[in-house]
Amino acid sequence: MNPVTRQLLERIADPDLADFAMGWDALEEQVVAIYRAGGCPPDAAAAYAALRKKLMRDHGRWAGALEPHWRAVLVDRAPLQSSPFERVLAVSEAAGVVDNWELMRTLPAAREALNNLLLERAVD
């Protein structure tokens, strides 16, 4: 798990938000592993599909809360024009991750937005 996200999750009282963040982290790990491998074995494809399905269902609940955070993120010194979460989730098959550099460039923006939402919702 991303160490910053892990630390922020310790201060999150909302179990649904924590569940979404952990699911996103797991999907990101799958995406990175598939990209690095340059291929997608059946077990990775199945894991990707299951995580994507869950996050597709859960993302709607958090899309509004995430939006101001991803809109504040700059990529190549320019603001994002669309949700990095939706861009990642739009890749319907794990094979679409292979050699997809643009997708990889989207992950840090999503991570930054997610961590900023967690920071905003953290309790002392």
Protein backbone atom coordinates (compact mmCIF):
# COMPACT_ATOMS: atom_id res chain seq x y z
CA MET A 1 0.00 0.00 0.00
CA ASN A 2 1.10 3.54 -0.67
CA PRO A 3 2.76 4.66 2.59
CA VAL A 4 1.13 8.11 2.64
CA THR A 5 -2.29 6.60 2.02
CA ARG A 6 -1.68 4.00 4.74
CA GLN A 7 -0.82 6.73 7.24
CA LEU A 8 -3.85 8.82 6.28
CA LEU A 9 -6.18 5.82 6.56
CA GLU A 10 -5.29 5.54 10.24
CA ARG A 11 -7.17 8.83 10.72
CA ILE A 12 -10.27 8.02 8.66
CA ALA A 13 -13.45 7.29 10.60
CA ASP A 14 -15.60 6.56 7.52
CA PRO A 15 -15.28 2.85 6.70
CA ASP A 16 -16.75 3.34 3.20
CA LEU A 17 -14.13 5.93 2.31
CA ALA A 18 -11.41 3.70 3.73
CA ASP A 19 -12.74 0.79 1.69
CA PHE A 20 -12.73 2.87 -1.49
CA ALA A 21 -9.16 4.07 -0.82
CA MET A 22 -7.92 0.53 -0.17
CA GLY A 23 -9.65 -0.71 -3.31
CA TRP A 24 -8.08 2.07 -5.37
CA ASP A 25 -4.69 1.23 -3.93
CA ALA A 26 -5.14 -2.43 -4.90
CA LEU A 27 -6.22 -1.50 -8.43
CA GLU A 28 -3.24 0.81 -8.80
CA GLU A 29 -0.93 -2.02 -7.71
CA GLN A 30 -2.48 -4.29 -10.34
CA VAL A 31 -2.13 -1.67 -13.06
CA VAL A 32 1.53 -1.09 -12.23
CA ALA A 33 2.28 -4.82 -12.08
CA ILE A 34 0.61 -5.48 -15.44
CA TYR A 35 2.37 -2.53 -17.05
CA ARG A 36 5.78 -3.59 -15.71
CA ALA A 37 5.25 -7.20 -16.79
CA GLY A 38 4.37 -6.11 -20.30
CA GLY A 39 1.63 -8.70 -20.35
CA CYS A 40 -1.40 -9.86 -18.51
CA PRO A 41 -1.67 -13.45 -17.24
CA PRO A 42 -5.17 -14.76 -16.48
CA ASP A 43 -4.85 -14.32 -12.70
CA ALA A 44 -3.88 -10.65 -13.10
CA ALA A 45 -6.74 -10.13 -15.56
CA ALA A 46 -9.19 -11.65 -13.09
CA ALA A 47 -7.91 -9.54 -10.20
CA TYR A 48 -8.08 -6.40 -12.34
CA ALA A 49 -11.64 -7.19 -13.43
CA ALA A 50 -12.83 -7.80 -9.86
CA LEU A 51 -11.22 -4.63 -8.50
CA ARG A 52 -12.47 -2.53 -11.42
CA LYS A 53 -16.02 -3.85 -11.02
CA LYS A 54 -16.09 -2.93 -7.33
CA LEU A 55 -14.56 0.50 -7.92
CA MET A 56 -16.91 1.23 -10.82
CA ARG A 57 -19.77 0.65 -8.38
CA ASP A 58 -18.22 2.62 -5.52
CA HIS A 59 -16.70 5.52 -7.45
CA GLY A 60 -20.04 7.26 -7.95
CA ARG A 61 -20.36 7.82 -4.24
CA TRP A 62 -16.98 9.56 -4.07
CA ALA A 63 -16.80 11.28 -7.48
CA GLY A 64 -18.16 14.60 -6.20
CA ALA A 65 -15.87 14.68 -3.18
CA LEU A 66 -12.86 13.78 -5.32
CA GLU A 67 -13.54 16.31 -8.06
CA PRO A 68 -12.16 19.47 -6.41
CA HIS A 69 -9.04 17.52 -5.49
CA TRP A 70 -8.30 16.16 -8.98
CA ARG A 71 -9.11 19.54 -10.49
CA ALA A 72 -6.36 21.04 -8.31
CA VAL A 73 -3.76 18.58 -9.64
CA LEU A 74 -1.40 19.71 -12.39
CA VAL A 75 0.08 17.33 -14.96
CA ASP A 76 2.83 18.84 -17.10
CA ARG A 77 1.95 22.21 -15.48
CA ALA A 78 -1.61 22.05 -16.79
CA PRO A 79 -4.86 21.29 -14.95
CA LEU A 80 -6.62 18.03 -15.68
CA GLN A 81 -9.57 18.21 -18.03
CA SER A 82 -11.17 14.97 -16.87
CA SER A 83 -11.26 12.73 -13.84
CA PRO A 84 -8.17 10.52 -13.52
CA PHE A 85 -10.36 7.99 -11.74
CA GLU A 86 -12.74 7.77 -14.67
CA ARG A 87 -9.82 7.57 -17.10
CA VAL A 88 -8.35 4.59 -15.26
CA LEU A 89 -11.71 2.88 -14.79
CA ALA A 90 -12.49 3.37 -18.49
CA VAL A 91 -9.90 0.69 -19.30
CA SER A 92 -12.36 -2.18 -19.37
CA GLU A 93 -9.87 -5.03 -19.83
CA ALA A 94 -6.58 -5.60 -18.07
CA ALA A 95 -4.92 -6.10 -21.45
CA GLY A 96 -5.58 -2.41 -22.08
CA VAL A 97 -3.00 -1.60 -19.41
CA VAL A 98 -0.13 -3.24 -21.32
CA ASP A 99 2.11 -0.57 -22.88
CA ASN A 100 -0.40 2.14 -21.91
CA TRP A 101 1.94 4.93 -20.84
CA GLU A 102 -0.85 7.52 -20.76
CA LEU A 103 -2.68 5.41 -18.19
CA MET A 104 0.46 5.21 -16.07
CA ARG A 105 0.79 9.00 -16.21
CA THR A 106 -2.76 9.26 -14.85
CA LEU A 107 -2.11 7.24 -11.69
CA PRO A 108 -0.15 9.90 -9.74
CA ALA A 109 -2.91 12.46 -10.30
CA ALA A 110 -5.51 10.07 -8.95
CA ARG A 111 -3.30 9.20 -5.98
CA GLU A 112 -2.73 12.86 -5.15
CA ALA A 113 -6.45 13.61 -5.31
CA LEU A 114 -7.31 10.58 -3.18
CA ASN A 115 -4.72 11.43 -0.54
CA ASN A 116 -5.95 15.02 -0.43
CA LEU A 117 -9.51 13.81 0.14
CA LEU A 118 -8.28 11.52 2.91
CA LEU A 119 -6.40 14.43 4.47
CA GLU A 120 -9.52 16.58 4.28
CA ARG A 121 -11.63 13.89 5.97
CA ALA A 122 -9.06 12.85 8.58
CA VAL A 123 -10.02 13.09 12.23
CA ASP A 124 -7.67 13.76 15.11
